[in-house]
Amino acid sequence: MAETVLHPQRTPRRRTPSPPNPRPGGLLRGLLRTARPKQWVKNVLVVAAPAAAGRLLTAGTLTELALVFALFTACAAAVYLVNDARDAEADRAHPVKRHRPVAAGQVPVPVAYAAGGALAVLAPLLAARLTTPALALLLTAYVGMQLAYCVRLKHVLVVDLAVVTTGFLMRAAAGGLALGIPLSRWFLITTGFGALFMVSAKRYSEAVQMAGKAGATRALLTEYTTGYLRFVWQLAAGVAVLGYCLWALEEGGPPHTGLLPWRQLSVVAFVLAVLRYAVFADRGTAGEPEEVVLGDRALALIGLVWLALYGLAVAHW
């Protein structure tokens, strides 16, 4: 009887999937995706200062603000491109970020660096030529601060919150600097602490969702405690409300001649908006601010009511 020789079972070799063949325009689409078009809505904040000063509908203002919006969007896109190029290797090991165009190979790392560097240089130069030196300096500071954040500052406790908050504040101040509008202390306090409220609420939500899990999307989430982040967003919300109330109740300027005290009434809508947003923060579901606002009908409605009351107050109706 012939002896049967048993060969050891071979384990099939895992084949590394090859990158898909690039389609026409794939590089441009990848660059556009890396520039985060969904995040561009944040740059609408450039209208905040002109709107607060009642200058939004004056001649030439909208054209100037459209230019400021485009320049700030270019600066933000530059930061995203450089950030994704720098983090490409780490993003490939992340279950979600590995689909980013640079990490997935759709946009080569050198191309991302080159495009980001070009935008970072050109946007402030165009601002200096087409707008005011103050705006050019602000855009330069924004790019420098955000690049420092990508390289180092995002790993420093508390400083990371301050940098992201300052980015929102710079957006809100950009329109005023471009049009030569003085920025009031109440505008800066309310905008700054309102931004800190949303930023820290987002961090808190991330920390709650990642509690007890490995692979946090932000390294600092393992160093922050949820109790500390809760304290930060509660403190920021309180200061933002206080600053807004002081603006609304402040006497000065021309006497009130409108039908109703719109400034004081807008406090109700502002406080309701903060309280509604805090519901999502408390649940640990406060993600991107624009997604929270646009994703909740009640919050969006409160925001529209506040916007109407605020507009009536600024117009002195």
Protein backbone atom coordinates (compact mmCIF):
# COMPACT_ATOMS: atom_id res chain seq x y z
CA MET A 1 0.00 0.00 0.00
CA ALA A 2 1.47 3.31 -1.07
CA GLU A 3 2.17 5.74 1.68
CA THR A 4 0.18 8.92 1.46
CA VAL A 5 2.26 12.01 1.91
CA LEU A 6 0.41 14.82 3.60
CA HIS A 7 1.59 18.24 2.57
CA PRO A 8 1.13 21.02 5.10
CA GLN A 9 -1.71 23.33 4.21
CA ARG A 10 -0.43 26.51 2.77
CA THR A 11 -1.80 29.77 4.16
CA PRO A 12 -2.87 31.96 1.29
CA ARG A 13 -0.67 35.00 1.03
CA ARG A 14 -2.55 38.21 1.73
CA ARG A 15 -2.33 40.45 -1.26
CA THR A 16 -1.98 44.14 -0.71
CA PRO A 17 -4.66 45.90 -2.72
CA SER A 18 -3.18 48.03 -5.43
CA PRO A 19 -4.31 51.64 -5.65
CA PRO A 20 -7.03 52.24 -8.19
CA ASN A 21 -6.03 53.65 -11.55
CA PRO A 22 -6.33 57.42 -11.39
CA ARG A 23 -9.22 58.75 -13.40
CA PRO A 24 -9.05 62.03 -15.34
CA GLY A 25 -9.33 64.89 -12.90
CA GLY A 26 -8.71 62.58 -9.95
CA LEU A 27 -5.81 64.67 -8.67
CA LEU A 28 -7.83 67.88 -8.79
CA ARG A 29 -10.77 66.22 -7.03
CA GLY A 30 -8.38 64.88 -4.41
CA LEU A 31 -6.90 68.33 -3.82
CA LEU A 32 -10.40 69.76 -3.52
CA ARG A 33 -11.42 67.08 -1.00
CA THR A 34 -8.26 67.71 1.00
CA ALA A 35 -9.16 71.39 1.15
CA ARG A 36 -12.30 70.33 3.15
CA PRO A 37 -15.14 72.16 1.31
CA LYS A 38 -17.52 71.22 4.13
CA GLN A 39 -15.42 73.32 6.50
CA TRP A 40 -15.64 76.44 4.35
CA VAL A 41 -18.91 77.39 6.00
CA LYS A 42 -16.86 78.44 9.04
CA ASN A 43 -15.36 81.25 6.97
CA VAL A 44 -18.78 82.89 6.69
CA LEU A 45 -17.82 84.37 10.07
CA VAL A 46 -15.98 87.09 8.13
CA VAL A 47 -19.34 88.88 7.86
CA ALA A 48 -19.73 89.02 11.66
CA ALA A 49 -18.03 92.37 12.34
CA PRO A 50 -19.62 94.26 9.39
CA ALA A 51 -23.02 92.83 10.32
CA ALA A 52 -22.58 93.87 13.96
CA ALA A 53 -21.65 97.40 12.83
CA GLY A 54 -24.63 97.66 10.47
CA ARG A 55 -22.32 97.91 7.42
CA LEU A 56 -23.30 94.66 5.73
CA LEU A 57 -25.52 96.19 3.03
CA THR A 58 -23.50 99.30 2.25
CA ALA A 59 -22.06 99.81 -1.24
CA GLY A 60 -19.15 97.51 -2.06
CA THR A 61 -19.25 95.66 1.24
CA LEU A 62 -20.49 92.33 -0.07
CA THR A 63 -17.90 92.32 -2.85
CA GLU A 64 -15.12 93.04 -0.35
CA LEU A 65 -16.39 90.35 2.02
CA ALA A 66 -16.57 87.81 -0.82
CA LEU A 67 -12.87 88.49 -1.46
CA VAL A 68 -12.06 88.15 2.25
CA PHE A 69 -13.99 84.87 2.35
CA ALA A 70 -12.03 83.52 -0.63
CA LEU A 71 -8.68 84.57 0.86
CA PHE A 72 -9.44 83.03 4.24
CA THR A 73 -10.65 79.86 2.55
CA ALA A 74 -7.37 79.66 0.64
CA CYS A 75 -5.40 80.00 3.88
CA ALA A 76 -7.47 77.32 5.60
CA ALA A 77 -7.06 75.02 2.57
CA ALA A 78 -3.28 75.52 2.74
CA VAL A 79 -3.25 74.36 6.34
CA TYR A 80 -5.38 71.28 5.56
CA LEU A 81 -3.10 70.30 2.67
CA VAL A 82 0.07 70.59 4.72
CA ASN A 83 -1.53 68.83 7.69
CA ASP A 84 -2.68 65.85 5.61
CA ALA A 85 0.69 65.60 3.87
CA ARG A 86 2.50 65.60 7.20
CA ASP A 87 0.14 63.04 8.78
CA ALA A 88 -0.23 60.80 5.71
CA GLU A 89 1.65 57.86 7.21
CA ALA A 90 -0.28 57.95 10.50
CA ASP A 91 -3.60 58.46 8.69
CA ARG A 92 -3.08 55.23 6.71
CA ALA A 93 -3.33 53.28 9.98
CA HIS A 94 -6.57 55.03 11.00
CA PRO A 95 -9.89 53.35 10.08
CA VAL A 96 -11.45 56.61 8.85
CA LYS A 97 -8.60 58.95 7.99
CA ARG A 98 -7.01 56.36 5.67
CA HIS A 99 -9.63 57.36 3.10
CA ARG A 100 -8.30 60.91 2.92
CA PRO A 101 -6.91 61.61 -0.57
CA VAL A 102 -3.30 62.06 0.56
CA ALA A 103 -3.30 58.98 2.78
CA ALA A 104 -5.03 56.93 0.08
CA GLY A 105 -2.48 57.93 -2.53
CA GLN A 106 -4.86 59.93 -4.69
CA VAL A 107 -2.80 63.06 -3.98
CA PRO A 108 0.99 62.52 -3.73
CA VAL A 109 2.55 63.95 -0.58
CA PRO A 110 4.92 66.33 -2.47
CA VAL A 111 1.97 67.70 -4.46
CA ALA A 112 0.00 68.34 -1.26
CA TYR A 113 2.99 70.15 0.27
CA ALA A 114 3.51 72.21 -2.89
CA ALA A 115 -0.17 73.19 -3.21
CA GLY A 116 -0.43 74.05 0.48
CA GLY A 117 2.76 76.10 0.43
CA ALA A 118 1.66 78.01 -2.67
CA LEU A 119 -1.71 78.92 -1.14
CA ALA A 120 -0.07 79.88 2.17
CA VAL A 121 2.18 82.38 0.38
CA LEU A 122 -0.19 83.68 -2.30
CA ALA A 123 -3.24 84.38 -0.11
CA PRO A 124 -1.54 86.92 2.23
CA LEU A 125 0.23 88.53 -0.74
CA LEU A 126 -3.06 88.97 -2.57
CA ALA A 127 -4.61 90.34 0.63
CA ALA A 128 -1.85 92.95 0.89
CA ARG A 129 -2.41 93.98 -2.73
CA LEU A 130 -6.22 93.85 -2.90
CA THR A 131 -7.36 94.68 0.65
CA THR A 132 -5.62 96.19 3.69
CA PRO A 133 -2.23 95.55 5.34
CA ALA A 134 -4.06 94.66 8.57
CA LEU A 135 -5.89 91.79 6.88
CA ALA A 136 -2.69 90.59 5.22
CA LEU A 137 -0.97 90.49 8.62
CA LEU A 138 -3.93 88.64 10.13
CA LEU A 139 -3.88 86.00 7.37
CA THR A 140 -0.12 85.59 7.76
CA ALA A 141 -0.53 85.15 11.51
CA TYR A 142 -3.37 82.67 10.94
CA VAL A 143 -1.32 80.51 8.58
CA GLY A 144 1.72 80.61 10.86
CA MET A 145 -0.30 79.76 13.95
CA GLN A 146 -2.16 76.91 12.26
CA LEU A 147 1.02 75.41 10.82
CA ALA A 148 2.60 75.57 14.27
CA TYR A 149 -0.53 73.82 15.53
CA CYS A 150 -0.10 71.03 12.97
CA VAL A 151 3.56 70.55 13.88
CA ARG A 152 3.61 71.02 17.63
CA LEU A 153 0.87 73.00 19.37
CA LYS A 154 -1.86 70.38 18.92
CA HIS A 155 0.10 68.23 21.38
CA VAL A 156 0.19 70.91 24.12
CA LEU A 157 -2.57 70.85 26.72
CA VAL A 158 -4.86 73.91 26.79
CA VAL A 159 -2.81 75.62 24.09
CA ASP A 160 -4.52 73.44 21.49
CA LEU A 161 -7.92 74.74 22.62
CA ALA A 162 -6.65 78.33 22.55
CA VAL A 163 -5.26 78.00 19.01
CA VAL A 164 -8.46 76.55 17.54
CA THR A 165 -10.53 79.19 19.34
CA THR A 166 -8.25 81.96 18.08
CA GLY A 167 -8.77 80.67 14.54
CA PHE A 168 -12.52 81.27 14.88
CA LEU A 169 -11.89 84.69 16.40
CA MET A 170 -9.60 85.64 13.51
CA ARG A 171 -12.32 84.71 11.05
CA ALA A 172 -14.79 86.93 12.88
CA ALA A 173 -12.32 89.83 12.97
CA ALA A 174 -11.19 89.54 9.33
CA GLY A 175 -14.17 91.34 7.82
CA GLY A 176 -13.80 94.24 10.25
CA LEU A 177 -10.09 94.65 9.49
CA ALA A 178 -10.73 94.57 5.74
CA LEU A 179 -13.35 97.32 5.98
CA GLY A 180 -11.66 99.37 8.70
CA ILE A 181 -14.40 98.70 11.27
CA PRO A 182 -13.35 99.03 14.95
CA LEU A 183 -13.91 95.82 16.90
CA SER A 184 -15.75 96.37 20.18
CA ARG A 185 -14.71 94.63 23.36
CA TRP A 186 -18.10 92.93 23.68
CA PHE A 187 -17.84 91.58 20.14
CA LEU A 188 -14.42 90.08 20.86
CA ILE A 189 -15.45 88.65 24.25
CA THR A 190 -18.69 87.10 23.02
CA THR A 191 -17.16 85.73 19.82
CA GLY A 192 -14.03 84.40 21.51
CA PHE A 193 -15.74 82.62 24.37
CA GLY A 194 -18.56 81.45 22.12
CA ALA A 195 -15.94 79.79 19.93
CA LEU A 196 -14.21 78.28 22.98
CA PHE A 197 -17.59 76.91 24.08
CA MET A 198 -18.11 75.07 20.79
CA VAL A 199 -14.49 73.89 20.51
CA SER A 200 -14.35 72.51 24.05
CA ALA A 201 -17.82 70.96 23.65
CA LYS A 202 -16.54 69.12 20.59
CA ARG A 203 -13.44 67.93 22.47
CA TYR A 204 -15.64 66.82 25.37
CA SER A 205 -17.89 64.86 23.03
CA GLU A 206 -14.88 63.16 21.44
CA ALA A 207 -13.53 62.27 24.89
CA VAL A 208 -16.88 60.82 25.97
CA GLN A 209 -17.21 58.74 22.82
CA MET A 210 -13.63 57.45 23.04
CA ALA A 211 -13.72 56.71 26.78
CA GLY A 212 -12.28 53.25 27.42
CA LYS A 213 -11.35 52.76 23.76
CA ALA A 214 -7.99 52.66 22.09
CA GLY A 215 -7.09 54.76 19.10
CA ALA A 216 -8.41 58.15 20.04
CA THR A 217 -8.47 60.49 17.08
CA ARG A 218 -6.59 63.10 19.09
CA ALA A 219 -3.64 62.17 21.24
CA LEU A 220 -4.51 64.80 23.84
CA LEU A 221 -7.86 63.14 24.53
CA THR A 222 -5.97 60.61 26.64
CA GLU A 223 -4.59 63.46 28.78
CA TYR A 224 -7.70 65.60 29.14
CA THR A 225 -10.33 64.38 31.56
CA THR A 226 -14.00 64.63 30.68
CA GLY A 227 -14.54 66.55 33.92
CA TYR A 228 -12.01 69.20 32.89
CA LEU A 229 -13.43 69.58 29.38
CA ARG A 230 -16.94 69.86 30.84
CA PHE A 231 -15.67 72.64 33.11
CA VAL A 232 -14.16 74.47 30.13
CA TRP A 233 -17.28 74.46 27.95
CA GLN A 234 -19.50 75.42 30.88
CA LEU A 235 -17.18 78.30 31.82
CA ALA A 236 -16.93 79.48 28.21
CA ALA A 237 -20.71 79.35 27.75
CA GLY A 238 -21.21 81.44 30.89
CA VAL A 239 -18.70 84.12 29.84
CA ALA A 240 -20.15 84.29 26.31
CA VAL A 241 -23.67 84.81 27.69
CA LEU A 242 -22.40 87.41 30.17
CA GLY A 243 -20.56 89.34 27.45
CA TYR A 244 -23.61 89.32 25.20
CA CYS A 245 -25.88 90.49 28.02
CA LEU A 246 -23.53 93.36 28.87
CA TRP A 247 -23.61 94.43 25.21
CA ALA A 248 -27.40 94.22 25.07
CA LEU A 249 -27.92 96.15 28.31
CA GLU A 250 -25.18 98.71 27.77
CA GLU A 251 -26.39 102.29 27.51
CA GLY A 252 -24.70 104.60 25.08
CA GLY A 253 -24.84 105.74 21.51
CA PRO A 254 -28.03 107.15 20.01
CA PRO A 255 -31.16 106.81 22.15
CA HIS A 256 -33.44 103.90 21.40
CA THR A 257 -36.18 104.93 19.00
CA GLY A 258 -37.30 101.54 17.68
CA LEU A 259 -40.61 99.85 18.09
CA LEU A 260 -39.29 97.38 20.68
CA PRO A 261 -36.03 96.94 22.63
CA TRP A 262 -34.60 94.47 20.10
CA ARG A 263 -31.15 94.36 21.72
CA GLN A 264 -32.57 93.22 25.05
CA LEU A 265 -34.99 90.79 23.41
CA SER A 266 -32.17 89.18 21.43
CA VAL A 267 -30.67 88.03 24.76
CA VAL A 268 -33.54 85.53 25.12
CA ALA A 269 -32.81 83.93 21.75
CA PHE A 270 -29.04 83.95 22.40
CA VAL A 271 -29.41 82.21 25.77
CA LEU A 272 -31.85 79.67 24.33
CA ALA A 273 -29.37 78.89 21.54
CA VAL A 274 -26.58 78.32 24.06
CA LEU A 275 -28.82 76.12 26.21
CA ARG A 276 -29.94 74.09 23.19
CA TYR A 277 -26.34 73.60 22.03
CA ALA A 278 -25.39 72.58 25.57
CA VAL A 279 -27.86 69.68 25.33
CA PHE A 280 -25.70 68.09 22.65
CA ALA A 281 -22.52 68.92 24.54
CA ASP A 282 -23.89 67.29 27.69
CA ARG A 283 -24.86 64.15 25.75
CA GLY A 284 -21.41 63.96 24.19
CA THR A 285 -22.78 64.40 20.65
CA ALA A 286 -21.54 67.90 19.84
CA GLY A 287 -19.39 67.33 16.78
CA GLU A 288 -18.56 69.95 14.17
CA PRO A 289 -20.38 73.20 15.12
CA GLU A 290 -21.92 73.65 11.66
CA GLU A 291 -23.27 70.08 11.73
CA VAL A 292 -24.82 70.60 15.16
CA VAL A 293 -26.51 73.86 14.16
CA LEU A 294 -27.73 72.73 10.76
CA GLY A 295 -28.63 69.24 11.94
CA ASP A 296 -31.07 70.34 14.66
CA ARG A 297 -34.21 72.11 13.46
CA ALA A 298 -34.97 73.68 16.82
CA LEU A 299 -31.47 75.11 17.12
CA ALA A 300 -31.56 76.37 13.54
CA LEU A 301 -34.92 78.04 14.17
CA ILE A 302 -33.65 79.68 17.36
CA GLY A 303 -30.64 80.88 15.40
CA LEU A 304 -32.84 82.47 12.75
CA VAL A 305 -34.93 84.21 15.42
CA TRP A 306 -31.78 85.53 17.09
CA LEU A 307 -30.44 86.68 13.72
CA ALA A 308 -33.66 88.59 13.02
CA LEU A 309 -33.68 90.26 16.45
CA TYR A 310 -29.99 91.10 16.23
CA GLY A 311 -30.47 92.59 12.77
CA LEU A 312 -33.35 94.75 13.99
CA ALA A 313 -31.22 95.93 16.92
CA VAL A 314 -28.27 96.85 14.69
CA ALA A 315 -30.59 98.63 12.23
CA HIS A 316 -32.19 100.59 15.11
CA TRP A 317 -35.72 99.69 13.96
